[in-house]
All heavy atoms as atom14 arrays in JSON, in Angstrom:
{
  "sequence": "SFLAVLVLFSTTSLFAQKKWTLEECISYALQNNIQIKREVLQSRKFK",
  "atom14_mask": [
    [1, 1, 1, 1, 1, 1, 0, 0, 0, 0, 0, 0, 0, 0],
    [1, 1, 1, 1, 1, 1, 1, 1, 1, 1, 1, 0, 0, 0],
    [1, 1, 1, 1, 1, 1, 1, 1, 0, 0, 0, 0, 0, 0],
    [1, 1, 1, 1, 1, 0, 0, 0, 0, 0, 0, 0, 0, 0],
    [1, 1, 1, 1, 1, 1, 1, 0, 0, 0, 0, 0, 0, 0],
    [1, 1, 1, 1, 1, 1, 1, 1, 0, 0, 0, 0, 0, 0],
    [1, 1, 1, 1, 1, 1, 1, 0, 0, 0, 0, 0, 0, 0],
    [1, 1, 1, 1, 1, 1, 1, 1, 0, 0, 0, 0, 0, 0],
    [1, 1, 1, 1, 1, 1, 1, 1, 1, 1, 1, 0, 0, 0],
    [1, 1, 1, 1, 1, 1, 0, 0, 0, 0, 0, 0, 0, 0],
    [1, 1, 1, 1, 1, 1, 1, 0, 0, 0, 0, 0, 0, 0],
    [1, 1, 1, 1, 1, 1, 1, 0, 0, 0, 0, 0, 0, 0],
    [1, 1, 1, 1, 1, 1, 0, 0, 0, 0, 0, 0, 0, 0],
    [1, 1, 1, 1, 1, 1, 1, 1, 0, 0, 0, 0, 0, 0],
    [1, 1, 1, 1, 1, 1, 1, 1, 1, 1, 1, 0, 0, 0],
    [1, 1, 1, 1, 1, 0, 0, 0, 0, 0, 0, 0, 0, 0],
    [1, 1, 1, 1, 1, 1, 1, 1, 1, 0, 0, 0, 0, 0],
    [1, 1, 1, 1, 1, 1, 1, 1, 1, 0, 0, 0, 0, 0],
    [1, 1, 1, 1, 1, 1, 1, 1, 1, 0, 0, 0, 0, 0],
    [1, 1, 1, 1, 1, 1, 1, 1, 1, 1, 1, 1, 1, 1],
    [1, 1, 1, 1, 1, 1, 1, 0, 0, 0, 0, 0, 0, 0],
    [1, 1, 1, 1, 1, 1, 1, 1, 0, 0, 0, 0, 0, 0],
    [1, 1, 1, 1, 1, 1, 1, 1, 1, 0, 0, 0, 0, 0],
    [1, 1, 1, 1, 1, 1, 1, 1, 1, 0, 0, 0, 0, 0],
    [1, 1, 1, 1, 1, 1, 0, 0, 0, 0, 0, 0, 0, 0],
    [1, 1, 1, 1, 1, 1, 1, 1, 0, 0, 0, 0, 0, 0],
    [1, 1, 1, 1, 1, 1, 0, 0, 0, 0, 0, 0, 0, 0],
    [1, 1, 1, 1, 1, 1, 1, 1, 1, 1, 1, 1, 0, 0],
    [1, 1, 1, 1, 1, 0, 0, 0, 0, 0, 0, 0, 0, 0],
    [1, 1, 1, 1, 1, 1, 1, 1, 0, 0, 0, 0, 0, 0],
    [1, 1, 1, 1, 1, 1, 1, 1, 1, 0, 0, 0, 0, 0],
    [1, 1, 1, 1, 1, 1, 1, 1, 0, 0, 0, 0, 0, 0],
    [1, 1, 1, 1, 1, 1, 1, 1, 0, 0, 0, 0, 0, 0],
    [1, 1, 1, 1, 1, 1, 1, 1, 0, 0, 0, 0, 0, 0],
    [1, 1, 1, 1, 1, 1, 1, 1, 1, 0, 0, 0, 0, 0],
    [1, 1, 1, 1, 1, 1, 1, 1, 0, 0, 0, 0, 0, 0],
    [1, 1, 1, 1, 1, 1, 1, 1, 1, 0, 0, 0, 0, 0],
    [1, 1, 1, 1, 1, 1, 1, 1, 1, 1, 1, 0, 0, 0],
    [1, 1, 1, 1, 1, 1, 1, 1, 1, 0, 0, 0, 0, 0],
    [1, 1, 1, 1, 1, 1, 1, 0, 0, 0, 0, 0, 0, 0],
    [1, 1, 1, 1, 1, 1, 1, 1, 0, 0, 0, 0, 0, 0],
    [1, 1, 1, 1, 1, 1, 1, 1, 1, 0, 0, 0, 0, 0],
    [1, 1, 1, 1, 1, 1, 0, 0, 0, 0, 0, 0, 0, 0],
    [1, 1, 1, 1, 1, 1, 1, 1, 1, 1, 1, 0, 0, 0],
    [1, 1, 1, 1, 1, 1, 1, 1, 1, 0, 0, 0, 0, 0],
    [1, 1, 1, 1, 1, 1, 1, 1, 1, 1, 1, 0, 0, 0],
    [1, 1, 1, 1, 1, 1, 1, 1, 1, 0, 0, 0, 0, 0]
  ],
  "atom14_positions": [
    [[92.49, 62.2, 115.48], [93.56, 61.56, 114.72], [94.79, 62.44, 114.66], [95.93, 61.97, 114.82], [93.08, 61.24, 113.3], [91.98, 60.37, 113.33], [0.0, 0.0, 0.0], [0.0, 0.0, 0.0], [0.0, 0.0, 0.0], [0.0, 0.0, 0.0], [0.0, 0.0, 0.0], [0.0, 0.0, 0.0], [0.0, 0.0, 0.0], [0.0, 0.0, 0.0]],
    [[94.58, 63.72, 114.44], [95.69, 64.67, 114.37], [96.47, 64.71, 115.68], [97.69, 64.63, 115.72], [95.14, 66.06, 114.03], [96.11, 67.18, 114.27], [97.22, 67.34, 113.46], [95.9, 68.07, 115.3], [98.11, 68.38, 113.67], [96.78, 69.11, 115.52], [97.89, 69.26, 114.7], [0.0, 0.0, 0.0], [0.0, 0.0, 0.0], [0.0, 0.0, 0.0]],
    [[95.74, 64.79, 116.79], [96.39, 64.86, 118.1], [97.07, 63.54, 118.46], [98.12, 63.54, 119.08], [95.36, 65.23, 119.17], [94.81, 66.67, 119.06], [93.65, 66.86, 120.02], [95.91, 67.68, 119.35], [0.0, 0.0, 0.0], [0.0, 0.0, 0.0], [0.0, 0.0, 0.0], [0.0, 0.0, 0.0], [0.0, 0.0, 0.0], [0.0, 0.0, 0.0]],
    [[96.45, 62.45, 118.06], [97.05, 61.15, 118.35], [98.4, 61.02, 117.66], [99.38, 60.54, 118.24], [96.12, 60.02, 117.9], [0.0, 0.0, 0.0], [0.0, 0.0, 0.0], [0.0, 0.0, 0.0], [0.0, 0.0, 0.0], [0.0, 0.0, 0.0], [0.0, 0.0, 0.0], [0.0, 0.0, 0.0], [0.0, 0.0, 0.0], [0.0, 0.0, 0.0]],
    [[98.46, 61.44, 116.41], [99.73, 61.39, 115.67], [100.77, 62.28, 116.32], [101.93, 61.9, 116.48], [99.49, 61.81, 114.19], [100.83, 61.98, 113.48], [98.65, 60.78, 113.48], [0.0, 0.0, 0.0], [0.0, 0.0, 0.0], [0.0, 0.0, 0.0], [0.0, 0.0, 0.0], [0.0, 0.0, 0.0], [0.0, 0.0, 0.0], [0.0, 0.0, 0.0]],
    [[100.36, 63.46, 116.74], [101.31, 64.39, 117.37], [101.87, 63.83, 118.66], [103.07, 63.88, 118.92], [100.62, 65.73, 117.65], [100.24, 66.58, 116.44], [99.59, 67.88, 116.9], [101.45, 66.87, 115.59], [0.0, 0.0, 0.0], [0.0, 0.0, 0.0], [0.0, 0.0, 0.0], [0.0, 0.0, 0.0], [0.0, 0.0, 0.0], [0.0, 0.0, 0.0]],
    [[100.98, 63.29, 119.5], [101.43, 62.79, 120.8], [102.3, 61.55, 120.65], [103.32, 61.4, 121.31], [100.21, 62.5, 121.71], [100.66, 61.84, 123.0], [99.47, 63.79, 122.01], [0.0, 0.0, 0.0], [0.0, 0.0, 0.0], [0.0, 0.0, 0.0], [0.0, 0.0, 0.0], [0.0, 0.0, 0.0], [0.0, 0.0, 0.0], [0.0, 0.0, 0.0]],
    [[101.9, 60.63, 119.75], [102.66, 59.41, 119.57], [104.02, 59.67, 118.94], [105.04, 59.16, 119.38], [101.87, 58.43, 118.71], [100.69, 57.73, 119.39], [99.93, 56.89, 118.38], [101.16, 56.86, 120.54], [0.0, 0.0, 0.0], [0.0, 0.0, 0.0], [0.0, 0.0, 0.0], [0.0, 0.0, 0.0], [0.0, 0.0, 0.0], [0.0, 0.0, 0.0]],
    [[104.05, 60.51, 117.89], [105.29, 60.77, 117.16], [106.22, 61.71, 117.91], [107.39, 61.8, 117.59], [104.99, 61.35, 115.78], [104.51, 60.32, 114.79], [104.11, 60.71, 113.52], [104.44, 58.98, 115.14], [103.67, 59.77, 112.6], [103.99, 58.04, 114.23], [103.6, 58.44, 112.97], [0.0, 0.0, 0.0], [0.0, 0.0, 0.0], [0.0, 0.0, 0.0]],
    [[105.7, 62.41, 118.91], [106.56, 63.36, 119.64], [107.64, 62.63, 120.44], [108.63, 63.25, 120.85], [105.7, 64.21, 120.58], [105.11, 63.4, 121.58], [0.0, 0.0, 0.0], [0.0, 0.0, 0.0], [0.0, 0.0, 0.0], [0.0, 0.0, 0.0], [0.0, 0.0, 0.0], [0.0, 0.0, 0.0], [0.0, 0.0, 0.0], [0.0, 0.0, 0.0]],
    [[107.46, 61.32, 120.65], [108.44, 60.56, 121.42], [109.4, 59.76, 120.55], [110.29, 59.1, 121.05], [107.71, 59.59, 122.38], [106.89, 58.72, 121.6], [106.85, 60.35, 123.37], [0.0, 0.0, 0.0], [0.0, 0.0, 0.0], [0.0, 0.0, 0.0], [0.0, 0.0, 0.0], [0.0, 0.0, 0.0], [0.0, 0.0, 0.0], [0.0, 0.0, 0.0]],
    [[109.2, 59.79, 119.22], [110.06, 59.04, 118.33], [111.26, 59.87, 117.93], [111.28, 61.08, 118.06], [109.3, 58.62, 117.06], [108.94, 59.8, 116.34], [108.03, 57.84, 117.41], [0.0, 0.0, 0.0], [0.0, 0.0, 0.0], [0.0, 0.0, 0.0], [0.0, 0.0, 0.0], [0.0, 0.0, 0.0], [0.0, 0.0, 0.0], [0.0, 0.0, 0.0]],
    [[112.3, 59.19, 117.41], [113.52, 59.9, 117.02], [113.27, 60.84, 115.87], [113.92, 61.88, 115.73], [114.6, 58.87, 116.63], [114.13, 58.04, 115.57], [0.0, 0.0, 0.0], [0.0, 0.0, 0.0], [0.0, 0.0, 0.0], [0.0, 0.0, 0.0], [0.0, 0.0, 0.0], [0.0, 0.0, 0.0], [0.0, 0.0, 0.0], [0.0, 0.0, 0.0]],
    [[112.27, 60.48, 115.0], [111.99, 61.32, 113.84], [111.46, 62.68, 114.26], [111.77, 63.7, 113.64], [110.96, 60.62, 112.94], [110.56, 61.35, 111.65], [111.79, 61.58, 110.78], [109.49, 60.58, 110.91], [0.0, 0.0, 0.0], [0.0, 0.0, 0.0], [0.0, 0.0, 0.0], [0.0, 0.0, 0.0], [0.0, 0.0, 0.0], [0.0, 0.0, 0.0]],
    [[110.67, 62.71, 115.32], [110.08, 63.96, 115.78], [110.63, 64.39, 117.14], [110.02, 65.17, 117.84], [108.55, 63.83, 115.88], [107.88, 63.75, 114.53], [107.78, 62.53, 113.87], [107.37, 64.87, 113.93], [107.16, 62.44, 112.64], [106.74, 64.8, 112.69], [106.65, 63.58, 112.05], [0.0, 0.0, 0.0], [0.0, 0.0, 0.0], [0.0, 0.0, 0.0]],
    [[111.77, 63.88, 117.51], [112.32, 64.19, 118.83], [112.61, 65.66, 118.99], [112.54, 66.21, 120.08], [113.59, 63.37, 119.06], [0.0, 0.0, 0.0], [0.0, 0.0, 0.0], [0.0, 0.0, 0.0], [0.0, 0.0, 0.0], [0.0, 0.0, 0.0], [0.0, 0.0, 0.0], [0.0, 0.0, 0.0], [0.0, 0.0, 0.0], [0.0, 0.0, 0.0]],
    [[112.96, 66.32, 117.88], [113.3, 67.73, 117.97], [112.05, 68.6, 118.05], [112.15, 69.8, 118.29], [114.13, 68.15, 116.75], [113.35, 68.19, 115.43], [113.22, 66.81, 114.8], [113.52, 65.8, 115.45], [112.79, 66.77, 113.57], [0.0, 0.0, 0.0], [0.0, 0.0, 0.0], [0.0, 0.0, 0.0], [0.0, 0.0, 0.0], [0.0, 0.0, 0.0]],
    [[110.85, 68.04, 117.83], [109.61, 68.82, 117.88], [108.54, 68.08, 118.65], [107.96, 67.13, 118.15], [109.14, 69.11, 116.45], [107.82, 69.86, 116.37], [107.9, 71.21, 117.06], [106.6, 71.96, 116.92], [106.64, 73.24, 117.64], [0.0, 0.0, 0.0], [0.0, 0.0, 0.0], [0.0, 0.0, 0.0], [0.0, 0.0, 0.0], [0.0, 0.0, 0.0]],
    [[108.29, 68.49, 119.88], [107.23, 67.92, 120.69], [106.09, 68.93, 120.78], [106.28, 70.04, 121.23], [107.74, 67.56, 122.09], [108.78, 66.45, 122.09], [109.18, 66.07, 123.5], [110.2, 64.94, 123.5], [110.59, 64.54, 124.87], [0.0, 0.0, 0.0], [0.0, 0.0, 0.0], [0.0, 0.0, 0.0], [0.0, 0.0, 0.0], [0.0, 0.0, 0.0]],
    [[104.93, 68.51, 120.34], [103.78, 69.41, 120.28], [103.15, 69.55, 121.67], [102.72, 68.57, 122.27], [102.75, 68.88, 119.3], [103.16, 69.05, 117.88], [104.1, 68.34, 117.2], [102.64, 70.01, 116.95], [104.21, 68.79, 115.91], [103.33, 69.81, 115.72], [101.68, 71.01, 117.02], [103.06, 70.58, 114.6], [101.41, 71.77, 115.9], [102.1, 71.56, 114.71]],
    [[103.1, 70.78, 122.14], [102.43, 71.06, 123.41], [100.96, 71.34, 123.14], [100.52, 71.5, 122.0], [103.06, 72.27, 124.1], [102.85, 73.45, 123.29], [104.56, 72.07, 124.29], [0.0, 0.0, 0.0], [0.0, 0.0, 0.0], [0.0, 0.0, 0.0], [0.0, 0.0, 0.0], [0.0, 0.0, 0.0], [0.0, 0.0, 0.0], [0.0, 0.0, 0.0]],
    [[100.18, 71.42, 124.22], [98.76, 71.74, 124.08], [98.58, 73.11, 123.44], [97.72, 73.3, 122.56], [98.08, 71.7, 125.45], [96.61, 72.14, 125.49], [95.76, 71.28, 124.57], [96.08, 72.09, 126.92], [0.0, 0.0, 0.0], [0.0, 0.0, 0.0], [0.0, 0.0, 0.0], [0.0, 0.0, 0.0], [0.0, 0.0, 0.0], [0.0, 0.0, 0.0]],
    [[99.4, 74.08, 123.87], [99.29, 75.43, 123.32], [99.58, 75.44, 121.82], [98.9, 76.15, 121.05], [100.26, 76.37, 124.05], [99.9, 76.69, 125.49], [100.19, 75.53, 126.43], [100.92, 74.6, 126.01], [99.67, 75.55, 127.56], [0.0, 0.0, 0.0], [0.0, 0.0, 0.0], [0.0, 0.0, 0.0], [0.0, 0.0, 0.0], [0.0, 0.0, 0.0]],
    [[100.55, 74.66, 121.38], [100.87, 74.6, 119.96], [99.76, 73.93, 119.16], [99.46, 74.35, 118.04], [102.19, 73.85, 119.76], [103.41, 74.63, 120.24], [104.69, 73.8, 120.2], [104.6, 72.56, 120.38], [105.76, 74.38, 119.97], [0.0, 0.0, 0.0], [0.0, 0.0, 0.0], [0.0, 0.0, 0.0], [0.0, 0.0, 0.0], [0.0, 0.0, 0.0]],
    [[99.16, 72.91, 119.73], [98.04, 72.24, 119.05], [96.86, 73.2, 118.9], [96.21, 73.24, 117.85], [97.61, 71.0, 119.83], [98.81, 69.65, 119.79], [0.0, 0.0, 0.0], [0.0, 0.0, 0.0], [0.0, 0.0, 0.0], [0.0, 0.0, 0.0], [0.0, 0.0, 0.0], [0.0, 0.0, 0.0], [0.0, 0.0, 0.0], [0.0, 0.0, 0.0]],
    [[96.57, 73.96, 119.96], [95.47, 74.93, 119.9], [95.76, 76.0, 118.86], [94.9, 76.37, 118.06], [95.24, 75.56, 121.29], [94.7, 74.51, 122.27], [94.27, 76.73, 121.18], [94.56, 75.0, 123.69], [0.0, 0.0, 0.0], [0.0, 0.0, 0.0], [0.0, 0.0, 0.0], [0.0, 0.0, 0.0], [0.0, 0.0, 0.0], [0.0, 0.0, 0.0]],
    [[96.99, 76.51, 118.87], [97.38, 77.55, 117.92], [97.26, 77.05, 116.48], [96.75, 77.76, 115.59], [98.82, 78.0, 118.2], [99.24, 78.95, 117.24], [0.0, 0.0, 0.0], [0.0, 0.0, 0.0], [0.0, 0.0, 0.0], [0.0, 0.0, 0.0], [0.0, 0.0, 0.0], [0.0, 0.0, 0.0], [0.0, 0.0, 0.0], [0.0, 0.0, 0.0]],
    [[97.7, 75.83, 116.25], [97.63, 75.24, 114.9], [96.17, 75.09, 114.46], [95.82, 75.4, 113.32], [98.32, 73.88, 114.9], [98.34, 73.21, 113.54], [99.37, 73.46, 112.63], [97.31, 72.35, 113.16], [99.38, 72.85, 111.38], [97.31, 71.75, 111.91], [98.35, 72.0, 111.02], [98.35, 71.41, 109.79], [0.0, 0.0, 0.0], [0.0, 0.0, 0.0]],
    [[95.33, 74.6, 115.38], [93.92, 74.41, 115.05], [93.23, 75.73, 114.75], [92.43, 75.82, 113.82], [93.21, 73.7, 116.21], [0.0, 0.0, 0.0], [0.0, 0.0, 0.0], [0.0, 0.0, 0.0], [0.0, 0.0, 0.0], [0.0, 0.0, 0.0], [0.0, 0.0, 0.0], [0.0, 0.0, 0.0], [0.0, 0.0, 0.0], [0.0, 0.0, 0.0]],
    [[93.54, 76.77, 115.52], [92.92, 78.08, 115.3], [93.34, 78.68, 113.96], [92.54, 79.33, 113.28], [93.28, 79.04, 116.44], [92.71, 78.7, 117.82], [93.21, 79.7, 118.85], [91.18, 78.7, 117.8], [0.0, 0.0, 0.0], [0.0, 0.0, 0.0], [0.0, 0.0, 0.0], [0.0, 0.0, 0.0], [0.0, 0.0, 0.0], [0.0, 0.0, 0.0]],
    [[94.59, 78.46, 113.6], [95.12, 79.04, 112.36], [94.63, 78.3, 111.12], [94.6, 78.89, 110.03], [96.65, 79.05, 112.38], [97.25, 79.99, 113.4], [98.77, 79.86, 113.48], [99.4, 79.22, 112.64], [99.35, 80.47, 114.5], [0.0, 0.0, 0.0], [0.0, 0.0, 0.0], [0.0, 0.0, 0.0], [0.0, 0.0, 0.0], [0.0, 0.0, 0.0]],
    [[94.25, 77.04, 111.26], [93.9, 76.23, 110.1], [92.43, 75.8, 110.08], [92.05, 75.01, 109.21], [94.79, 74.98, 110.05], [96.24, 75.32, 109.79], [96.67, 75.47, 108.65], [97.02, 75.45, 110.86], [0.0, 0.0, 0.0], [0.0, 0.0, 0.0], [0.0, 0.0, 0.0], [0.0, 0.0, 0.0], [0.0, 0.0, 0.0], [0.0, 0.0, 0.0]],
    [[91.63, 76.32, 111.01], [90.21, 75.99, 111.03], [89.49, 76.71, 109.9], [89.49, 77.94, 109.84], [89.62, 76.38, 112.4], [88.19, 75.9, 112.55], [87.3, 76.33, 111.82], [87.97, 75.02, 113.51], [0.0, 0.0, 0.0], [0.0, 0.0, 0.0], [0.0, 0.0, 0.0], [0.0, 0.0, 0.0], [0.0, 0.0, 0.0], [0.0, 0.0, 0.0]],
    [[88.88, 75.95, 108.99], [88.21, 76.53, 107.82], [87.04, 77.42, 108.23], [86.82, 78.49, 107.66], [87.73, 75.43, 106.87], [88.91, 74.58, 106.39], [86.99, 76.04, 105.69], [89.95, 75.38, 105.63], [0.0, 0.0, 0.0], [0.0, 0.0, 0.0], [0.0, 0.0, 0.0], [0.0, 0.0, 0.0], [0.0, 0.0, 0.0], [0.0, 0.0, 0.0]],
    [[86.28, 76.98, 109.23], [85.13, 77.76, 109.68], [85.56, 79.11, 110.23], [84.9, 80.13, 109.98], [84.35, 76.98, 110.73], [83.65, 75.75, 110.17], [82.99, 74.93, 111.26], [83.64, 74.51, 112.21], [81.7, 74.69, 111.11], [0.0, 0.0, 0.0], [0.0, 0.0, 0.0], [0.0, 0.0, 0.0], [0.0, 0.0, 0.0], [0.0, 0.0, 0.0]],
    [[86.66, 79.13, 110.98], [87.15, 80.4, 111.53], [87.6, 81.32, 110.4], [87.31, 82.52, 110.4], [88.3, 80.15, 112.52], [87.79, 79.43, 113.77], [88.97, 81.47, 112.91], [88.87, 79.1, 114.77], [0.0, 0.0, 0.0], [0.0, 0.0, 0.0], [0.0, 0.0, 0.0], [0.0, 0.0, 0.0], [0.0, 0.0, 0.0], [0.0, 0.0, 0.0]],
    [[88.3, 80.76, 109.42], [88.77, 81.58, 108.29], [87.58, 82.19, 107.54], [87.62, 83.36, 107.15], [89.6, 80.72, 107.34], [90.97, 80.33, 107.9], [91.77, 79.53, 106.87], [93.16, 79.21, 107.4], [93.96, 78.44, 106.42], [0.0, 0.0, 0.0], [0.0, 0.0, 0.0], [0.0, 0.0, 0.0], [0.0, 0.0, 0.0], [0.0, 0.0, 0.0]],
    [[86.54, 81.39, 107.33], [85.37, 81.91, 106.63], [84.7, 83.03, 107.42], [84.28, 84.04, 106.86], [84.38, 80.77, 106.38], [84.83, 79.77, 105.33], [83.84, 78.63, 105.22], [84.24, 77.67, 104.18], [83.63, 76.51, 103.98], [82.58, 76.17, 104.73], [84.05, 75.69, 103.02], [0.0, 0.0, 0.0], [0.0, 0.0, 0.0], [0.0, 0.0, 0.0]],
    [[84.59, 82.84, 108.73], [83.93, 83.84, 109.57], [84.76, 85.12, 109.64], [84.2, 86.23, 109.69], [83.7, 83.28, 110.98], [82.73, 84.1, 111.82], [81.33, 84.08, 111.26], [80.94, 83.07, 110.62], [80.61, 85.07, 111.46], [0.0, 0.0, 0.0], [0.0, 0.0, 0.0], [0.0, 0.0, 0.0], [0.0, 0.0, 0.0], [0.0, 0.0, 0.0]],
    [[86.07, 84.99, 109.63], [86.94, 86.18, 109.62], [86.75, 86.96, 108.32], [86.65, 88.2, 108.34], [88.42, 85.77, 109.78], [89.34, 86.96, 109.49], [88.67, 85.27, 111.2], [0.0, 0.0, 0.0], [0.0, 0.0, 0.0], [0.0, 0.0, 0.0], [0.0, 0.0, 0.0], [0.0, 0.0, 0.0], [0.0, 0.0, 0.0], [0.0, 0.0, 0.0]],
    [[86.68, 86.26, 107.2], [86.44, 86.92, 105.91], [85.08, 87.61, 105.91], [84.93, 88.72, 105.37], [86.52, 85.91, 104.77], [87.91, 85.33, 104.47], [87.81, 84.27, 103.37], [88.87, 86.43, 104.04], [0.0, 0.0, 0.0], [0.0, 0.0, 0.0], [0.0, 0.0, 0.0], [0.0, 0.0, 0.0], [0.0, 0.0, 0.0], [0.0, 0.0, 0.0]],
    [[84.09, 86.97, 106.51], [82.76, 87.55, 106.57], [82.76, 88.81, 107.42], [82.11, 89.81, 107.08], [81.77, 86.53, 107.14], [80.32, 86.98, 107.13], [79.74, 87.02, 105.73], [80.39, 86.64, 104.78], [78.51, 87.51, 105.6], [0.0, 0.0, 0.0], [0.0, 0.0, 0.0], [0.0, 0.0, 0.0], [0.0, 0.0, 0.0], [0.0, 0.0, 0.0]],
    [[83.49, 88.8, 108.53], [83.57, 89.97, 109.4], [84.26, 91.13, 108.69], [83.9, 92.3, 108.89], [84.3, 89.63, 110.7], [85.65, 89.3, 110.45], [0.0, 0.0, 0.0], [0.0, 0.0, 0.0], [0.0, 0.0, 0.0], [0.0, 0.0, 0.0], [0.0, 0.0, 0.0], [0.0, 0.0, 0.0], [0.0, 0.0, 0.0], [0.0, 0.0, 0.0]],
    [[85.26, 90.83, 107.85], [85.92, 91.88, 107.08], [84.95, 92.52, 106.09], [84.99, 93.73, 105.87], [87.13, 91.3, 106.35], [88.28, 90.9, 107.29], [89.4, 90.23, 106.52], [90.47, 89.83, 107.41], [91.53, 89.1, 107.03], [91.64, 88.73, 105.76], [92.46, 88.76, 107.9], [0.0, 0.0, 0.0], [0.0, 0.0, 0.0], [0.0, 0.0, 0.0]],
    [[84.11, 91.69, 105.49], [83.1, 92.21, 104.57], [82.14, 93.14, 105.29], [81.81, 94.22, 104.8], [82.33, 91.06, 103.92], [81.18, 91.52, 103.03], [80.38, 90.35, 102.53], [79.19, 90.84, 101.69], [78.27, 91.68, 102.48], [0.0, 0.0, 0.0], [0.0, 0.0, 0.0], [0.0, 0.0, 0.0], [0.0, 0.0, 0.0], [0.0, 0.0, 0.0]],
    [[81.68, 92.72, 106.48], [80.77, 93.55, 107.25], [81.43, 94.86, 107.68], [80.77, 95.9, 107.78], [80.27, 92.79, 108.49], [79.26, 91.73, 108.16], [79.34, 90.48, 108.75], [78.23, 91.98, 107.26], [78.4, 89.5, 108.45], [77.29, 91.01, 106.96], [77.38, 89.77, 107.55], [0.0, 0.0, 0.0], [0.0, 0.0, 0.0], [0.0, 0.0, 0.0]],
    [[82.74, 94.81, 107.93], [83.46, 96.03, 108.3], [83.48, 97.01, 107.12], [83.32, 98.23, 107.31], [84.89, 95.68, 108.73], [85.66, 96.87, 109.29], [87.02, 96.42, 109.82], [87.76, 97.61, 110.43], [89.09, 97.2, 110.96], [0.0, 0.0, 0.0], [0.0, 0.0, 0.0], [0.0, 0.0, 0.0], [0.0, 0.0, 0.0], [0.0, 0.0, 0.0]]
  ]
}
């Protein structure tokens, strides 16, 4: 759903100034993935 909205809205005038590339979608997903954040916190504890 997230990617569908990005791809569809990237061609509209409202989002014309921001077209999401694959790299940007991956970066966004990595930064906002709850499981990754939890695992990073766990690794800090182990450190």
